[in-house]
C-alpha atoms as a PDB file:
ATOM      1  CA  MET A   1       0.000   0.000   0.000  1.00  0.00           C
ATOM      2  CA  LYS A   2       1.188   3.524  -0.821  1.00  0.00           C
ATOM      3  CA  GLN A   3       0.112   6.385   1.426  1.00  0.00           C
ATOM      4  CA  ILE A   4       0.194   9.999   0.259  1.00  0.00           C
ATOM      5  CA  ARG A   5      -0.322  13.139   2.334  1.00  0.00           C
ATOM      6  CA  PHE A   6      -1.115  16.497   0.730  1.00  0.00           C
ATOM      7  CA  HIS A   7      -0.396  19.828   2.422  1.00  0.00           C
ATOM      8  CA  GLY A   8      -2.076  22.974   1.181  1.00  0.00           C
ATOM      9  CA  ARG A   9      -4.084  25.937   2.285  1.00  0.00           C
ATOM     10  CA  GLY A  10      -7.871  26.062   2.238  1.00  0.00           C
ATOM     11  CA  GLY A  11      -8.963  26.847  -1.302  1.00  0.00           C
ATOM     12  CA  GLN A  12      -5.804  25.578  -3.040  1.00  0.00           C
ATOM     13  CA  GLY A  13      -7.255  22.219  -4.015  1.00  0.00           C
ATOM     14  CA  ALA A  14      -5.433  19.748  -1.746  1.00  0.00           C
ATOM     15  CA  VAL A  15      -8.676  17.855  -1.099  1.00  0.00           C
ATOM     16  CA  THR A  16      -9.500  17.805  -4.810  1.00  0.00           C
ATOM     17  CA  ALA A  17      -5.985  16.584  -5.638  1.00  0.00           C
ATOM     18  CA  ALA A  18      -6.322  13.701  -3.159  1.00  0.00           C
ATOM     19  CA  GLU A  19      -9.670  12.783  -4.705  1.00  0.00           C
ATOM     20  CA  ILE A  20      -8.370  12.927  -8.290  1.00  0.00           C
ATOM     21  CA  LEU A  21      -5.394  10.762  -7.317  1.00  0.00           C
ATOM     22  CA  GLY A  22      -7.837   8.223  -5.896  1.00  0.00           C
ATOM     23  CA  LEU A  23      -9.913   8.319  -9.084  1.00  0.00           C
ATOM     24  CA  ALA A  24      -6.749   7.769 -11.143  1.00  0.00           C
ATOM     25  CA  ALA A  25      -5.826   4.770  -8.975  1.00  0.00           C
ATOM     26  CA  SER A  26      -9.277   3.287  -9.479  1.00  0.00           C
ATOM     27  CA  GLU A  27      -8.788   3.753 -13.254  1.00  0.00           C
ATOM     28  CA  GLU A  28      -5.829   1.394 -12.797  1.00  0.00           C
ATOM     29  CA  LYS A  29      -8.074  -1.104 -10.969  1.00  0.00           C
ATOM     30  CA  LYS A  30      -6.475  -0.406  -7.593  1.00  0.00           C
ATOM     31  CA  TRP A  31      -8.178   0.024  -4.235  1.00  0.00           C
ATOM     32  CA  CYS A  32      -8.065   3.570  -2.913  1.00  0.00           C
ATOM     33  CA  GLN A  33      -9.219   5.971  -0.249  1.00  0.00           C
ATOM     34  CA  ALA A  34      -9.136   9.760  -0.395  1.00  0.00           C
ATOM     35  CA  PHE A  35     -10.163  11.961   2.506  1.00  0.00           C
ATOM     36  CA  PRO A  36      -9.487  15.411   3.995  1.00  0.00           C
ATOM     37  CA  PHE A  37      -8.454  16.553   7.447  1.00  0.00           C
ATOM     38  CA  PHE A  38      -9.421  20.083   8.396  1.00  0.00           C
ATOM     39  CA  GLY A  39      -8.349  22.126  11.356  1.00  0.00           C
ATOM     40  CA  VAL A  40      -9.945  25.538  11.284  1.00  0.00           C
ATOM     41  CA  GLU A  41     -12.168  25.496   8.223  1.00  0.00           C
ATOM     42  CA  ARG A  42     -11.418  28.748   6.433  1.00  0.00           C
ATOM     43  CA  ARG A  43      -9.769  29.836   3.221  1.00  0.00           C
ATOM     44  CA  GLY A  44      -6.008  30.077   3.636  1.00  0.00           C
ATOM     45  CA  ALA A  45      -5.789  27.866   6.740  1.00  0.00           C
ATOM     46  CA  PRO A  46      -3.499  24.804   6.567  1.00  0.00           C
ATOM     47  CA  VAL A  47      -5.278  21.733   5.217  1.00  0.00           C
ATOM     48  CA  LYS A  48      -4.187  18.122   4.955  1.00  0.00           C
ATOM     49  CA  ALA A  49      -5.667  15.544   2.637  1.00  0.00           C
ATOM     50  CA  PHE A  50      -4.789  11.898   2.246  1.00  0.00           C
ATOM     51  CA  THR A  51      -4.865   9.170  -0.384  1.00  0.00           C
ATOM     52  CA  ARG A  52      -4.178   5.473   0.066  1.00  0.00           C
ATOM     53  CA  ILE A  53      -3.581   3.226  -2.941  1.00  0.00           C
ATOM     54  CA  SER A  54      -3.265  -0.540  -2.817  1.00  0.00           C
ATOM     55  CA  ASP A  55      -3.601  -3.655  -4.938  1.00  0.00           C
ATOM     56  CA  GLU A  56      -5.647  -5.156  -2.096  1.00  0.00           C
ATOM     57  CA  TYR A  57      -8.652  -4.041  -0.061  1.00  0.00           C
ATOM     58  CA  ILE A  58      -7.749  -1.265   2.407  1.00  0.00           C
ATOM     59  CA  LYS A  59      -8.999  -1.969   5.927  1.00  0.00           C
ATOM     60  CA  THR A  60      -7.587   0.978   7.866  1.00  0.00           C
ATOM     61  CA  ARG A  61      -9.626   4.179   8.124  1.00  0.00           C
ATOM     62  CA  GLN A  62      -7.360   6.515  10.093  1.00  0.00           C
ATOM     63  CA  GLN A  63      -5.409   9.500   8.881  1.00  0.00           C
ATOM     64  CA  ILE A  64      -1.937   8.833   7.513  1.00  0.00           C
ATOM     65  CA  TYR A  65       0.843   9.283  10.053  1.00  0.00           C
ATOM     66  CA  LYS A  66       3.723   7.685   8.132  1.00  0.00           C
ATOM     67  CA  PRO A  67       3.243   8.630   4.473  1.00  0.00           C
ATOM     68  CA  ASP A  68       5.328   7.190   1.682  1.00  0.00           C
ATOM     69  CA  TYR A  69       4.984  10.440  -0.248  1.00  0.00           C
ATOM     70  CA  VAL A  70       4.141  14.036   0.630  1.00  0.00           C
ATOM     71  CA  VAL A  71       2.902  16.717  -1.773  1.00  0.00           C
ATOM     72  CA  VAL A  72       3.278  20.353  -0.678  1.00  0.00           C
ATOM     73  CA  LEU A  73       1.086  22.708  -2.715  1.00  0.00           C
ATOM     74  CA  ASP A  74       2.342  25.854  -0.962  1.00  0.00           C
ATOM     75  CA  SER A  75       5.967  25.991   0.172  1.00  0.00           C
ATOM     76  CA  THR A  76       5.186  28.736   2.733  1.00  0.00           C
ATOM     77  CA  LEU A  77       3.478  25.996   4.770  1.00  0.00           C
ATOM     78  CA  MET A  78       6.875  24.448   5.406  1.00  0.00           C
ATOM     79  CA  ASP A  79       7.539  27.245   7.903  1.00  0.00           C
ATOM     80  CA  VAL A  80       4.409  26.451   9.957  1.00  0.00           C
ATOM     81  CA  VAL A  81       3.671  22.740   9.379  1.00  0.00           C
ATOM     82  CA  ASP A  82       5.995  19.757   9.753  1.00  0.00           C
ATOM     83  CA  THR A  83       5.734  18.456   6.186  1.00  0.00           C
ATOM     84  CA  GLU A  84       8.423  15.851   6.948  1.00  0.00           C
ATOM     85  CA  GLU A  85       6.405  14.325   9.796  1.00  0.00           C
ATOM     86  CA  GLY A  86       6.367  10.538   9.491  1.00  0.00           C
ATOM     87  CA  ASN A  87       9.626  10.491   7.501  1.00  0.00           C
ATOM     88  CA  PRO A  88       8.257  10.166   3.932  1.00  0.00           C
ATOM     89  CA  SER A  89      10.573   8.688   1.296  1.00  0.00           C
ATOM     90  CA  THR A  90       9.695  11.432  -1.212  1.00  0.00           C
ATOM     91  CA  ILE A  91       8.450  15.008  -0.902  1.00  0.00           C
ATOM     92  CA  VAL A  92       7.305  16.948  -3.968  1.00  0.00           C
ATOM     93  CA  VAL A  93       7.167  20.712  -3.361  1.00  0.00           C
ATOM     94  CA  ASN A  94       5.633  23.527  -5.407  1.00  0.00           C
ATOM     95  CA  THR A  95       8.387  26.140  -5.328  1.00  0.00           C
ATOM     96  CA  LYS A  96      10.864  28.095  -7.457  1.00  0.00           C
ATOM     97  CA  ARG A  97      13.657  26.869  -5.180  1.00  0.00           C
ATOM     98  CA  THR A  98      15.860  23.843  -5.771  1.00  0.00           C
ATOM     99  CA  PRO A  99      15.759  20.785  -3.486  1.00  0.00           C
ATOM    100  CA  GLU A 100      19.129  21.825  -2.062  1.00  0.00           C
ATOM    101  CA  GLU A 101      17.808  25.268  -1.152  1.00  0.00           C
ATOM    102  CA  LEU A 102      14.966  23.700   0.846  1.00  0.00           C
ATOM    103  CA  ASP A 103      17.471  21.839   3.039  1.00  0.00           C
ATOM    104  CA  LEU A 104      15.112  19.031   4.076  1.00  0.00           C
ATOM    105  CA  SER A 105      16.205  15.847   5.803  1.00  0.00           C
ATOM    106  CA  THR A 106      13.921  13.598   3.731  1.00  0.00           C
ATOM    107  CA  GLY A 107      15.709  11.334   1.271  1.00  0.00           C
ATOM    108  CA  ASP A 108      14.207  12.369  -2.061  1.00  0.00           C
ATOM    109  CA  VAL A 109      13.049  15.972  -2.461  1.00  0.00           C
ATOM    110  CA  GLN A 110      11.641  17.058  -5.825  1.00  0.00           C
ATOM    111  CA  THR A 111      10.716  20.640  -6.637  1.00  0.00           C
ATOM    112  CA  ILE A 112       8.677  22.097  -9.466  1.00  0.00           C
ATOM    113  CA  HIS A 113       7.205  25.542 -10.092  1.00  0.00           C
ATOM    114  CA  ALA A 114       3.667  24.184 -10.429  1.00  0.00           C
ATOM    115  CA  THR A 115       2.057  27.591  -9.977  1.00  0.00           C
ATOM    116  CA  LYS A 116       3.768  28.795 -13.176  1.00  0.00           C
ATOM    117  CA  ILE A 117       2.609  25.692 -15.042  1.00  0.00           C
ATOM    118  CA  ALA A 118      -0.935  26.274 -13.761  1.00  0.00           C
ATOM    119  CA  LEU A 119      -0.887  29.906 -14.902  1.00  0.00           C
ATOM    120  CA  ASP A 120       0.503  28.947 -18.322  1.00  0.00           C
ATOM    121  CA  GLU A 121      -1.825  25.996 -18.942  1.00  0.00           C
ATOM    122  CA  ILE A 122      -4.993  26.743 -16.934  1.00  0.00           C
ATOM    123  CA  GLY A 123      -4.839  30.525 -16.614  1.00  0.00           C
ATOM    124  CA  LYS A 124      -5.275  30.379 -12.824  1.00  0.00           C
ATOM    125  CA  PRO A 125      -2.748  29.757 -10.019  1.00  0.00           C
ATOM    126  CA  PHE A 126      -4.217  26.409  -8.911  1.00  0.00           C
ATOM    127  CA  ALA A 127      -1.171  24.173  -8.611  1.00  0.00           C
ATOM    128  CA  ASN A 128      -2.985  21.037  -7.469  1.00  0.00           C
ATOM    129  CA  THR A 129      -3.283  19.344 -10.863  1.00  0.00           C
ATOM    130  CA  PRO A 130       0.276  20.072 -12.025  1.00  0.00           C
ATOM    131  CA  MET A 131       1.446  18.734  -8.662  1.00  0.00           C
ATOM    132  CA  LEU A 132      -0.330  15.461  -9.443  1.00  0.00           C
ATOM    133  CA  GLY A 133       1.688  15.211 -12.657  1.00  0.00           C
ATOM    134  CA  ALA A 134       4.847  15.917 -10.671  1.00  0.00           C
ATOM    135  CA  LEU A 135       3.911  13.258  -8.099  1.00  0.00           C
ATOM    136  CA  ALA A 136       3.393  10.706 -10.880  1.00  0.00           C
ATOM    137  CA  ALA A 137       6.798  11.580 -12.363  1.00  0.00           C
ATOM    138  CA  ALA A 138       8.595  11.454  -9.002  1.00  0.00           C
ATOM    139  CA  THR A 139       7.038   8.247  -7.684  1.00  0.00           C
ATOM    140  CA  GLY A 140       5.219   6.296 -10.387  1.00  0.00           C
ATOM    141  CA  VAL A 141       2.321   5.824  -7.948  1.00  0.00           C
ATOM    142  CA  VAL A 142      -0.106   6.230 -10.886  1.00  0.00           C
ATOM    143  CA  LYS A 143       0.317   6.795 -14.611  1.00  0.00           C
ATOM    144  CA  PRO A 144      -0.154  10.318 -15.997  1.00  0.00           C
ATOM    145  CA  GLU A 145      -2.723   8.912 -18.444  1.00  0.00           C
ATOM    146  CA  SER A 146      -4.866   7.780 -15.497  1.00  0.00           C
ATOM    147  CA  LEU A 147      -4.627  11.233 -13.912  1.00  0.00           C
ATOM    148  CA  LYS A 148      -5.618  12.921 -17.160  1.00  0.00           C
ATOM    149  CA  LYS A 149      -8.579  10.580 -17.625  1.00  0.00           C
ATOM    150  CA  ALA A 150      -9.716  11.188 -14.023  1.00  0.00           C
ATOM    151  CA  ILE A 151      -9.505  14.986 -14.336  1.00  0.00           C
ATOM    152  CA  LYS A 152     -11.400  14.965 -17.627  1.00  0.00           C
ATOM    153  CA  GLU A 153     -14.156  12.841 -16.092  1.00  0.00           C
ATOM    154  CA  LYS A 154     -14.433  15.102 -13.046  1.00  0.00           C
ATOM    155  CA  TYR A 155     -14.253  18.302 -15.107  1.00  0.00           C
ATOM    156  CA  PRO A 156     -15.463  17.629 -18.658  1.00  0.00           C
ATOM    157  CA  GLY A 157     -14.804  20.080 -21.455  1.00  0.00           C
ATOM    158  CA  LYS A 158     -12.241  22.849 -21.725  1.00  0.00           C
ATOM    159  CA  ILE A 159     -11.395  23.011 -18.000  1.00  0.00           C
ATOM    160  CA  GLY A 160     -10.616  19.297 -17.911  1.00  0.00           C
ATOM    161  CA  GLU A 161      -8.465  19.574 -21.031  1.00  0.00           C
ATOM    162  CA  LYS A 162      -6.492  22.490 -19.590  1.00  0.00           C
ATOM    163  CA  ASN A 163      -5.897  20.617 -16.334  1.00  0.00           C
ATOM    164  CA  ALA A 164      -4.875  17.476 -18.244  1.00  0.00           C
ATOM    165  CA  ASN A 165      -2.343  19.588 -20.163  1.00  0.00           C
ATOM    166  CA  ALA A 166      -1.000  20.942 -16.855  1.00  0.00           C
ATOM    167  CA  ILE A 167      -0.626  17.385 -15.518  1.00  0.00           C
ATOM    168  CA  GLN A 168       1.284  16.335 -18.637  1.00  0.00           C
ATOM    169  CA  LYS A 169       3.541  19.402 -18.654  1.00  0.00           C
ATOM    170  CA  ALA A 170       4.497  18.940 -14.985  1.00  0.00           C
ATOM    171  CA  TYR A 171       5.086  15.217 -15.540  1.00  0.00           C
ATOM    172  CA  GLU A 172       7.419  15.914 -18.468  1.00  0.00           C
ATOM    173  CA  GLU A 173       9.215  18.748 -16.668  1.00  0.00           C
ATOM    174  CA  LEU A 174       9.996  16.643 -13.603  1.00  0.00           C
ATOM    175  CA  LYS A 175      11.033  13.656 -15.735  1.00  0.00           C
ATOM    176  CA  LYS A 176      13.821  15.712 -17.425  1.00  0.00           C
END
């Protein structure tokens, strides 16, 4: 089983990203769970969301304390939230900075300027879908094709296409 924790701020799409990742996993005929954890429910407040993916039925129903992977949608959260909690093997961060500049103790740190990709491809600064493409590139937890299919099903039409393009662009950029 792979366990993924998303960190974002209210309104940035962490919960939606966790859900889309779960939908992509189910496209690949895997078992999945996706669920949010809210503290103070207001726009801009720190939010966590979780996704579990497994080839077998998932029995546990608690939040994820020891994630395999962490996705950070807003790097400013790293100053106020312990994004390395649980010692994940990989952290993917939306930032202009390099992994070395972040100076994290986690083994594999990947960075991508997902906000720029979102602005270029979607026209809005919602980095959640490009971060899914980056997660797929960094970990292989799901295929980018599954993510693109899931986003197009959830958001049919032009908005789904734009988000699918953002997923693909982030995937390719991190794979370089």
